[in-house]
Amino acid sequence: MLKAQKVWILVGILSLVSVGIGCGKHEKPNFIYMPQMVYDPAFKAQEAQYGVQGMRSPVPGTVPRDYEIYPYSVNDTERAAAELRNPLPMHRQVLERGHRMYTIYCQVCHGEYGEGNGSIVPLFAAPPTLQSDKIKGWMERGQDARIFHIITVGQNRMPNYKTQVSVEDRWAIANFIRVLHRAKNPSRTDLENLEKW
């Protein structure tokens, strides 16, 4: 038993000695074949150091693949309303899509019926109601493009949603806002049709 303990003590001492030798100072070689790989300067991708640019700037006029330039600025609401037309019909599938997108992106601020009473309104200032006479007038004149434009470029405290909401979904939301107007202000024909059901 005593002999086995001596063997383990000897193995432990040899292990410590070998680790100590392995951790000792190493001499530098006289010649480094590829110094730029051995002493690689580390810098962030966007910054330039030592005369080397980290990230190359794109060629002027470069746009990402499948990117469509929106030709209207924030203040071009009138021009957008005059030049753009909603390509989506008032079809059940389009309205369901518009309802889904409205629920995801708009309802939190504008509320279920677009009255500006969404769930975050107690924390932030209330957005304008989508049930106003102004917006109702836009819809009656067929100016869905105003809603599309505001979703695309933003307005006042509302940020733009051009990267979050696709072009088709923005038009579908504009169609759905028409449904919200009809739900809050049904016409006589709407009520007659409801009675027939």
Foldseek 3Di string as FASTA:
>chain_A
DVVVVVVVVVVVVVVVVVVVVVPDDDDDDPDDPDVCVVPPDDDDQCCDDPNRGNDDDDDPPDDDPPDDDDPDALPCLVVQLVPDAQPDDLDPVLLVLLLVVCVVPPCQQLNPLQCQDHVCCVVDPGDHGCLDPVNVVCVVVRRLSSQLSCCQCNDDPGHHCPPPADSSNSSSNSSNNVVSNCVVPPDPVRVVVVVVD
